[in-house]
PDB file of all heavy atoms in Angstrom:
ATOM      1  N   LYS A   1      76.986  79.903  84.819  1.00  0.00           N
ATOM      2  CA  LYS A   1      77.954  79.088  85.654  1.00  0.00           C
ATOM      3  C   LYS A   1      79.325  79.624  85.242  1.00  0.00           C
ATOM      4  O   LYS A   1      80.235  79.842  86.176  1.00  0.00           O
ATOM      5  CB  LYS A   1      77.849  77.752  85.183  1.00  0.00           C
ATOM      6  CG  LYS A   1      76.538  77.029  85.659  1.00  0.00           C
ATOM      7  CD  LYS A   1      76.477  75.553  85.299  1.00  0.00           C
ATOM      8  CE  LYS A   1      75.081  74.866  85.640  1.00  0.00           C
ATOM      9  NZ  LYS A   1      75.050  73.522  85.131  1.00  0.00           N
ATOM     10  N   ASN A   2      79.621  79.853  83.995  1.00  0.00           N
ATOM     11  CA  ASN A   2      81.013  80.238  83.619  1.00  0.00           C
ATOM     12  C   ASN A   2      81.286  81.775  83.615  1.00  0.00           C
ATOM     13  O   ASN A   2      82.401  82.113  83.801  1.00  0.00           O
ATOM     14  CB  ASN A   2      81.322  79.726  82.093  1.00  0.00           C
ATOM     15  CG  ASN A   2      81.052  78.207  82.077  1.00  0.00           C
ATOM     16  OD1 ASN A   2      81.589  77.530  82.824  1.00  0.00           O
ATOM     17  ND2 ASN A   2      80.562  77.723  80.882  1.00  0.00           N
ATOM     18  N   ARG A   3      80.271  82.518  83.290  1.00  0.00           N
ATOM     19  CA  ARG A   3      80.454  83.977  83.353  1.00  0.00           C
ATOM     20  C   ARG A   3      79.369  84.707  84.250  1.00  0.00           C
ATOM     21  O   ARG A   3      78.537  85.201  83.568  1.00  0.00           O
ATOM     22  CB  ARG A   3      80.456  84.566  81.896  1.00  0.00           C
ATOM     23  CG  ARG A   3      81.409  83.860  80.877  1.00  0.00           C
ATOM     24  CD  ARG A   3      82.840  84.501  81.208  1.00  0.00           C
ATOM     25  NE  ARG A   3      82.791  85.999  80.949  1.00  0.00           N
ATOM     26  CZ  ARG A   3      82.956  86.588  79.770  1.00  0.00           C
ATOM     27  NH1 ARG A   3      83.103  85.813  78.623  1.00  0.00           N
ATOM     28  NH2 ARG A   3      82.969  87.883  79.806  1.00  0.00           N
ATOM     29  N   PRO A   4      79.481  84.531  85.371  1.00  0.00           N
ATOM     30  CA  PRO A   4      78.449  85.288  86.247  1.00  0.00           C
ATOM     31  C   PRO A   4      78.256  86.636  86.048  1.00  0.00           C
ATOM     32  O   PRO A   4      77.186  87.156  86.207  1.00  0.00           O
ATOM     33  CB  PRO A   4      78.951  84.803  87.691  1.00  0.00           C
ATOM     34  CG  PRO A   4      80.379  84.517  87.562  1.00  0.00           C
ATOM     35  CD  PRO A   4      80.552  83.971  86.254  1.00  0.00           C
ATOM     36  N   GLU A   5      79.285  87.412  85.594  1.00  0.00           N
ATOM     37  CA  GLU A   5      79.053  88.848  85.403  1.00  0.00           C
ATOM     38  C   GLU A   5      78.255  89.123  84.235  1.00  0.00           C
ATOM     39  O   GLU A   5      77.476  89.995  84.174  1.00  0.00           O
ATOM     40  CB  GLU A   5      80.484  89.450  85.206  1.00  0.00           C
ATOM     41  CG  GLU A   5      81.223  89.126  83.889  1.00  0.00           C
ATOM     42  CD  GLU A   5      81.922  87.859  83.812  1.00  0.00           C
ATOM     43  OE1 GLU A   5      81.775  86.876  84.705  1.00  0.00           O
ATOM     44  OE2 GLU A   5      82.661  87.508  82.902  1.00  0.00           O
ATOM     45  N   ILE A   6      78.291  88.155  83.191  1.00  0.00           N
ATOM     46  CA  ILE A   6      77.241  88.217  82.099  1.00  0.00           C
ATOM     47  C   ILE A   6      75.878  87.991  82.479  1.00  0.00           C
ATOM     48  O   ILE A   6      74.941  88.718  82.144  1.00  0.00           O
ATOM     49  CB  ILE A   6      77.819  87.388  80.875  1.00  0.00           C
ATOM     50  CG1 ILE A   6      79.073  87.787  80.307  1.00  0.00           C
ATOM     51  CG2 ILE A   6      76.737  87.118  79.924  1.00  0.00           C
ATOM     52  CD1 ILE A   6      79.572  86.922  79.179  1.00  0.00           C
ATOM     53  N   GLY A   7      75.668  86.974  83.238  1.00  0.00           N
ATOM     54  CA  GLY A   7      74.364  86.640  83.764  1.00  0.00           C
ATOM     55  C   GLY A   7      73.777  87.743  84.652  1.00  0.00           C
ATOM     56  O   GLY A   7      72.671  88.106  84.506  1.00  0.00           O
ATOM     57  N   GLU A   8      74.744  88.369  85.473  1.00  0.00           N
ATOM     58  CA  GLU A   8      74.275  89.485  86.265  1.00  0.00           C
ATOM     59  C   GLU A   8      73.815  90.648  85.475  1.00  0.00           C
ATOM     60  O   GLU A   8      72.841  91.304  85.656  1.00  0.00           O
ATOM     61  CB  GLU A   8      75.343  89.827  87.150  1.00  0.00           C
ATOM     62  CG  GLU A   8      74.960  90.902  88.256  1.00  0.00           C
ATOM     63  CD  GLU A   8      75.007  92.399  87.781  1.00  0.00           C
ATOM     64  OE1 GLU A   8      75.945  92.641  86.787  1.00  0.00           O
ATOM     65  OE2 GLU A   8      74.306  93.182  88.193  1.00  0.00           O
ATOM     66  N   ALA A   9      74.594  90.968  84.302  1.00  0.00           N
ATOM     67  CA  ALA A   9      74.293  92.070  83.456  1.00  0.00           C
ATOM     68  C   ALA A   9      72.989  91.878  82.614  1.00  0.00           C
ATOM     69  O   ALA A   9      72.104  92.744  82.521  1.00  0.00           O
ATOM     70  CB  ALA A   9      75.362  92.278  82.378  1.00  0.00           C
ATOM     71  N   LEU A  10      72.750  90.480  82.309  1.00  0.00           N
ATOM     72  CA  LEU A  10      71.428  90.130  81.575  1.00  0.00           C
ATOM     73  C   LEU A  10      70.364  90.441  82.530  1.00  0.00           C
ATOM     74  O   LEU A  10      69.254  91.054  82.081  1.00  0.00           O
ATOM     75  CB  LEU A  10      71.412  88.816  81.182  1.00  0.00           C
ATOM     76  CG  LEU A  10      72.112  88.394  79.670  1.00  0.00           C
ATOM     77  CD1 LEU A  10      72.102  86.949  79.588  1.00  0.00           C
ATOM     78  CD2 LEU A  10      71.302  89.103  78.689  1.00  0.00           C
ATOM     79  N   ASP A  11      70.372  89.996  83.832  1.00  0.00           N
ATOM     80  CA  ASP A  11      69.303  90.143  84.761  1.00  0.00           C
ATOM     81  C   ASP A  11      69.115  91.686  85.159  1.00  0.00           C
ATOM     82  O   ASP A  11      67.997  92.092  85.296  1.00  0.00           O
ATOM     83  CB  ASP A  11      69.700  89.423  85.964  1.00  0.00           C
ATOM     84  CG  ASP A  11      69.607  87.924  85.787  1.00  0.00           C
ATOM     85  OD1 ASP A  11      69.017  87.430  84.757  1.00  0.00           O
ATOM     86  OD2 ASP A  11      70.250  87.181  86.574  1.00  0.00           O
ATOM     87  N   ARG A  12      70.220  92.418  85.130  1.00  0.00           N
ATOM     88  CA  ARG A  12      70.115  93.786  85.683  1.00  0.00           C
ATOM     89  C   ARG A  12      69.737  94.713  84.616  1.00  0.00           C
ATOM     90  O   ARG A  12      68.811  95.638  84.755  1.00  0.00           O
ATOM     91  CB  ARG A  12      71.466  94.314  86.161  1.00  0.00           C
ATOM     92  CG  ARG A  12      71.646  95.715  86.583  1.00  0.00           C
ATOM     93  CD  ARG A  12      72.770  95.997  87.250  1.00  0.00           C
ATOM     94  NE  ARG A  12      73.973  95.418  86.579  1.00  0.00           N
ATOM     95  CZ  ARG A  12      74.660  96.086  85.483  1.00  0.00           C
ATOM     96  NH1 ARG A  12      74.275  97.217  85.176  1.00  0.00           N
ATOM     97  NH2 ARG A  12      75.688  95.511  85.063  1.00  0.00           N
ATOM     98  N   GLN A  13      70.226  94.671  83.250  1.00  0.00           N
ATOM     99  CA  GLN A  13      69.968  95.584  82.166  1.00  0.00           C
ATOM    100  C   GLN A  13      69.311  94.984  80.969  1.00  0.00           C
ATOM    101  O   GLN A  13      69.137  95.647  79.983  1.00  0.00           O
ATOM    102  CB  GLN A  13      71.178  96.404  81.830  1.00  0.00           C
ATOM    103  CG  GLN A  13      72.403  95.529  81.430  1.00  0.00           C
ATOM    104  CD  GLN A  13      73.494  96.327  81.521  1.00  0.00           C
ATOM    105  OE1 GLN A  13      73.654  97.334  82.095  1.00  0.00           O
ATOM    106  NE2 GLN A  13      74.728  95.838  80.557  1.00  0.00           N
ATOM    107  N   GLY A  14      69.243  93.627  80.907  1.00  0.00           N
ATOM    108  CA  GLY A  14      68.722  92.927  79.715  1.00  0.00           C
ATOM    109  C   GLY A  14      69.647  92.700  78.558  1.00  0.00           C
ATOM    110  O   GLY A  14      69.316  92.336  77.515  1.00  0.00           O
ATOM    111  N   TYR A  15      70.893  93.023  78.753  1.00  0.00           N
ATOM    112  CA  TYR A  15      71.958  92.828  77.789  1.00  0.00           C
ATOM    113  C   TYR A  15      73.358  92.653  78.391  1.00  0.00           C
ATOM    114  O   TYR A  15      73.548  93.035  79.548  1.00  0.00           O
ATOM    115  CB  TYR A  15      71.854  93.840  76.709  1.00  0.00           C
ATOM    116  CG  TYR A  15      72.320  95.318  77.212  1.00  0.00           C
ATOM    117  CD1 TYR A  15      73.771  95.620  77.020  1.00  0.00           C
ATOM    118  CD2 TYR A  15      71.607  96.091  77.768  1.00  0.00           C
ATOM    119  CE1 TYR A  15      74.180  96.733  77.594  1.00  0.00           C
ATOM    120  CE2 TYR A  15      71.997  97.396  78.123  1.00  0.00           C
ATOM    121  CZ  TYR A  15      73.353  97.653  78.082  1.00  0.00           C
ATOM    122  OH  TYR A  15      73.842  98.968  78.397  1.00  0.00           O
ATOM    123  N   PHE A  16      74.335  92.320  77.548  1.00  0.00           N
ATOM    124  CA  PHE A  16      75.761  92.364  78.020  1.00  0.00           C
ATOM    125  C   PHE A  16      76.519  92.847  76.778  1.00  0.00           C
ATOM    126  O   PHE A  16      76.126  92.487  75.660  1.00  0.00           O
ATOM    127  CB  PHE A  16      76.204  91.067  78.670  1.00  0.00           C
ATOM    128  CG  PHE A  16      76.352  89.949  77.774  1.00  0.00           C
ATOM    129  CD1 PHE A  16      77.503  89.656  77.007  1.00  0.00           C
ATOM    130  CD2 PHE A  16      75.251  89.038  77.692  1.00  0.00           C
ATOM    131  CE1 PHE A  16      77.432  88.513  76.175  1.00  0.00           C
ATOM    132  CE2 PHE A  16      75.276  87.899  76.901  1.00  0.00           C
ATOM    133  CZ  PHE A  16      76.441  87.675  76.127  1.00  0.00           C
ATOM    134  N   ASP A  17      77.695  93.383  77.045  1.00  0.00           N
ATOM    135  CA  ASP A  17      78.645  93.735  76.049  1.00  0.00           C
ATOM    136  C   ASP A  17      79.570  92.593  75.655  1.00  0.00           C
ATOM    137  O   ASP A  17      80.216  91.946  76.505  1.00  0.00           O
ATOM    138  CB  ASP A  17      79.373  94.960  76.373  1.00  0.00           C
ATOM    139  CG  ASP A  17      78.574  96.198  76.601  1.00  0.00           C
ATOM    140  OD1 ASP A  17      77.613  96.295  75.651  1.00  0.00           O
ATOM    141  OD2 ASP A  17      78.884  97.090  77.332  1.00  0.00           O
ATOM    142  N   TRP A  18      79.735  92.441  74.317  1.00  0.00           N
ATOM    143  CA  TRP A  18      80.465  91.263  73.866  1.00  0.00           C
ATOM    144  C   TRP A  18      81.484  91.809  72.874  1.00  0.00           C
ATOM    145  O   TRP A  18      81.182  92.448  71.816  1.00  0.00           O
ATOM    146  CB  TRP A  18      79.423  90.361  73.220  1.00  0.00           C
ATOM    147  CG  TRP A  18      80.005  89.011  72.672  1.00  0.00           C
ATOM    148  CD1 TRP A  18      80.714  87.994  73.310  1.00  0.00           C
ATOM    149  CD2 TRP A  18      79.715  88.474  71.356  1.00  0.00           C
ATOM    150  NE1 TRP A  18      80.939  87.001  72.581  1.00  0.00           N
ATOM    151  CE2 TRP A  18      80.391  87.162  71.380  1.00  0.00           C
ATOM    152  CE3 TRP A  18      79.251  88.941  70.107  1.00  0.00           C
ATOM    153  CZ2 TRP A  18      80.328  86.327  70.228  1.00  0.00           C
ATOM    154  CZ3 TRP A  18      79.185  88.148  69.132  1.00  0.00           C
ATOM    155  CH2 TRP A  18      79.811  86.947  69.127  1.00  0.00           C
ATOM    156  N   LYS A  19      82.760  91.443  73.037  1.00  0.00           N
ATOM    157  CA  LYS A  19      83.982  91.939  72.223  1.00  0.00           C
ATOM    158  C   LYS A  19      84.077  90.936  71.241  1.00  0.00           C
ATOM    159  O   LYS A  19      84.386  89.716  71.414  1.00  0.00           O
ATOM    160  CB  LYS A  19      85.107  92.309  73.009  1.00  0.00           C
ATOM    161  CG  LYS A  19      84.875  93.529  73.824  1.00  0.00           C
ATOM    162  CD  LYS A  19      86.325  93.853  74.583  1.00  0.00           C
ATOM    163  CE  LYS A  19      86.149  95.220  75.295  1.00  0.00           C
ATOM    164  NZ  LYS A  19      87.369  95.514  75.937  1.00  0.00           N
ATOM    165  N   VAL A  20      84.335  91.360  69.892  1.00  0.00           N
ATOM    166  CA  VAL A  20      84.502  90.461  68.782  1.00  0.00           C
ATOM    167  C   VAL A  20      85.725  91.015  67.993  1.00  0.00           C
ATOM    168  O   VAL A  20      85.811  92.236  67.725  1.00  0.00           O
ATOM    169  CB  VAL A  20      83.298  90.376  67.800  1.00  0.00           C
ATOM    170  CG1 VAL A  20      83.489  89.460  66.638  1.00  0.00           C
ATOM    171  CG2 VAL A  20      82.105  90.012  68.647  1.00  0.00           C
ATOM    172  N   ARG A  21      86.636  90.171  67.601  1.00  0.00           N
ATOM    173  CA  ARG A  21      87.756  90.745  66.752  1.00  0.00           C
ATOM    174  C   ARG A  21      87.366  90.947  65.301  1.00  0.00           C
ATOM    175  O   ARG A  21      86.725  89.938  64.650  1.00  0.00           O
ATOM    176  CB  ARG A  21      88.857  89.682  66.754  1.00  0.00           C
ATOM    177  CG  ARG A  21      90.002  90.078  65.967  1.00  0.00           C
ATOM    178  CD  ARG A  21      91.308  89.289  66.147  1.00  0.00           C
ATOM    179  NE  ARG A  21      92.442  89.811  65.457  1.00  0.00           N
ATOM    180  CZ  ARG A  21      93.583  89.378  65.663  1.00  0.00           C
ATOM    181  NH1 ARG A  21      94.003  88.540  66.500  1.00  0.00           N
ATOM    182  NH2 ARG A  21      94.637  89.986  64.843  1.00  0.00           N
ATOM    183  N   ARG A  22      87.583  92.043  64.745  1.00  0.00           N
ATOM    184  CA  ARG A  22      87.191  92.354  63.330  1.00  0.00           C
ATOM    185  C   ARG A  22      88.483  92.889  62.732  1.00  0.00           C
ATOM    186  O   ARG A  22      88.953  94.075  63.104  1.00  0.00           O
ATOM    187  CB  ARG A  22      86.126  93.468  63.295  1.00  0.00           C
ATOM    188  CG  ARG A  22      84.750  92.961  63.660  1.00  0.00           C
ATOM    189  CD  ARG A  22      84.186  92.033  62.490  1.00  0.00           C
ATOM    190  NE  ARG A  22      84.198  92.671  61.205  1.00  0.00           N
ATOM    191  CZ  ARG A  22      83.179  93.526  60.831  1.00  0.00           C
ATOM    192  NH1 ARG A  22      82.011  93.707  61.580  1.00  0.00           N
ATOM    193  NH2 ARG A  22      83.178  93.993  59.598  1.00  0.00           N
ATOM    194  N   ARG A  23      89.110  92.265  61.858  1.00  0.00           N
ATOM    195  CA  ARG A  23      90.308  92.625  61.198  1.00  0.00           C
ATOM    196  C   ARG A  23      91.485  92.806  62.320  1.00  0.00           C
ATOM    197  O   ARG A  23      91.718  91.959  62.913  1.00  0.00           O
ATOM    198  CB  ARG A  23      90.092  93.818  60.343  1.00  0.00           C
ATOM    199  CG  ARG A  23      89.084  93.541  59.181  1.00  0.00           C
ATOM    200  CD  ARG A  23      88.578  94.684  58.267  1.00  0.00           C
ATOM    201  NE  ARG A  23      87.607  94.350  57.315  1.00  0.00           N
ATOM    202  CZ  ARG A  23      86.335  94.343  57.696  1.00  0.00           C
ATOM    203  NH1 ARG A  23      85.848  94.572  58.924  1.00  0.00           N
ATOM    204  NH2 ARG A  23      85.322  93.977  56.857  1.00  0.00           N
ATOM    205  N   ASP A  24      91.969  94.173  62.415  1.00  0.00           N
ATOM    206  CA  ASP A  24      93.027  94.335  63.217  1.00  0.00           C
ATOM    207  C   ASP A  24      92.548  95.019  64.549  1.00  0.00           C
ATOM    208  O   ASP A  24      93.399  95.504  65.302  1.00  0.00           O
ATOM    209  CB  ASP A  24      94.069  95.174  62.613  1.00  0.00           C
ATOM    210  CG  ASP A  24      94.710  94.522  61.428  1.00  0.00           C
ATOM    211  OD1 ASP A  24      94.891  93.243  61.406  1.00  0.00           O
ATOM    212  OD2 ASP A  24      94.962  95.161  60.381  1.00  0.00           O
ATOM    213  N   SER A  25      91.391  94.960  64.935  1.00  0.00           N
ATOM    214  CA  SER A  25      90.916  95.565  66.203  1.00  0.00           C
ATOM    215  C   SER A  25      89.703  94.803  66.753  1.00  0.00           C
ATOM    216  O   SER A  25      89.278  93.725  66.268  1.00  0.00           O
ATOM    217  CB  SER A  25      90.432  97.062  65.948  1.00  0.00           C
ATOM    218  OG  SER A  25      89.400  97.022  65.005  1.00  0.00           O
ATOM    219  N   PHE A  26      89.185  95.264  67.860  1.00  0.00           N
ATOM    220  CA  PHE A  26      87.961  94.506  68.514  1.00  0.00           C
ATOM    221  C   PHE A  26      86.843  95.603  68.443  1.00  0.00           C
ATOM    222  O   PHE A  26      87.085  96.743  68.619  1.00  0.00           O
ATOM    223  CB  PHE A  26      88.212  94.268  69.970  1.00  0.00           C
ATOM    224  CG  PHE A  26      89.142  92.969  70.045  1.00  0.00           C
ATOM    225  CD1 PHE A  26      90.598  93.215  70.070  1.00  0.00           C
ATOM    226  CD2 PHE A  26      88.622  91.785  70.186  1.00  0.00           C
ATOM    227  CE1 PHE A  26      91.312  92.042  70.154  1.00  0.00           C
ATOM    228  CE2 PHE A  26      89.412  90.603  70.172  1.00  0.00           C
ATOM    229  CZ  PHE A  26      90.875  90.737  70.270  1.00  0.00           C
ATOM    230  N   ILE A  27      85.578  95.163  68.195  1.00  0.00           N
ATOM    231  CA  ILE A  27      84.408  95.836  68.370  1.00  0.00           C
ATOM    232  C   ILE A  27      83.561  95.289  69.490  1.00  0.00           C
ATOM    233  O   ILE A  27      83.606  94.026  69.772  1.00  0.00           O
ATOM    234  CB  ILE A  27      83.625  95.920  67.008  1.00  0.00           C
ATOM    235  CG1 ILE A  27      83.285  94.460  66.589  1.00  0.00           C
ATOM    236  CG2 ILE A  27      84.475  96.499  65.900  1.00  0.00           C
ATOM    237  CD1 ILE A  27      82.196  94.473  65.341  1.00  0.00           C
ATOM    238  N   THR A  28      82.687  96.190  69.943  1.00  0.00           N
ATOM    239  CA  THR A  28      81.682  95.685  71.042  1.00  0.00           C
ATOM    240  C   THR A  28      80.351  95.549  70.495  1.00  0.00           C
ATOM    241  O   THR A  28      79.832  96.559  69.850  1.00  0.00           O
ATOM    242  CB  THR A  28      81.709  96.628  72.249  1.00  0.00           C
ATOM    243  OG1 THR A  28      83.132  96.742  72.734  1.00  0.00           O
ATOM    244  CG2 THR A  28      80.807  96.205  73.239  1.00  0.00           C
ATOM    245  N   ILE A  29      79.669  94.520  70.663  1.00  0.00           N
ATOM    246  CA  ILE A  29      78.410  94.118  70.269  1.00  0.00           C
ATOM    247  C   ILE A  29      77.489  93.956  71.486  1.00  0.00           C
ATOM    248  O   ILE A  29      77.835  93.355  72.484  1.00  0.00           O
ATOM    249  CB  ILE A  29      78.281  92.896  69.304  1.00  0.00           C
ATOM    250  CG1 ILE A  29      79.048  93.186  68.089  1.00  0.00           C
ATOM    251  CG2 ILE A  29      76.849  92.515  69.115  1.00  0.00           C
ATOM    252  CD1 ILE A  29      79.091  91.855  67.210  1.00  0.00           C
ATOM    253  N   LYS A  30      76.308  94.549  71.546  1.00  0.00           N
ATOM    254  CA  LYS A  30      75.387  94.443  72.571  1.00  0.00           C
ATOM    255  C   LYS A  30      74.463  93.157  72.275  1.00  0.00           C
ATOM    256  O   LYS A  30      73.905  92.936  71.337  1.00  0.00           O
ATOM    257  CB  LYS A  30      74.455  95.607  72.552  1.00  0.00           C
ATOM    258  CG  LYS A  30      73.389  95.553  73.772  1.00  0.00           C
ATOM    259  CD  LYS A  30      72.472  96.845  73.754  1.00  0.00           C
ATOM    260  CE  LYS A  30      73.314  98.099  74.080  1.00  0.00           C
ATOM    261  NZ  LYS A  30      72.402  99.167  74.247  1.00  0.00           N
ATOM    262  N   VAL A  31      74.724  92.121  73.337  1.00  0.00           N
ATOM    263  CA  VAL A  31      73.974  90.925  73.226  1.00  0.00           C
ATOM    264  C   VAL A  31      72.797  90.992  74.164  1.00  0.00           C
ATOM    265  O   VAL A  31      72.842  91.233  75.259  1.00  0.00           O
ATOM    266  CB  VAL A  31      74.972  89.767  73.659  1.00  0.00           C
ATOM    267  CG1 VAL A  31      74.051  88.484  73.614  1.00  0.00           C
ATOM    268  CG2 VAL A  31      76.099  89.673  72.683  1.00  0.00           C
ATOM    269  N   THR A  32      71.579  90.889  73.506  1.00  0.00           N
ATOM    270  CA  THR A  32      70.339  90.888  74.257  1.00  0.00           C
ATOM    271  C   THR A  32      69.869  89.517  74.874  1.00  0.00           C
ATOM    272  O   THR A  32      70.279  88.591  74.468  1.00  0.00           O
ATOM    273  CB  THR A  32      69.288  91.718  73.541  1.00  0.00           C
ATOM    274  OG1 THR A  32      68.780  90.854  72.428  1.00  0.00           O
ATOM    275  CG2 THR A  32      69.728  93.002  72.893  1.00  0.00           C
TER     276      THR A  32
END
């Protein structure tokens, strides 16, 4: 409902990329 692009990515490829703040930068985690 809130992030349809995430739902679409899950349906299409089985995961979405998720950005997390680590110290002074952001890293990307694959959420399955």
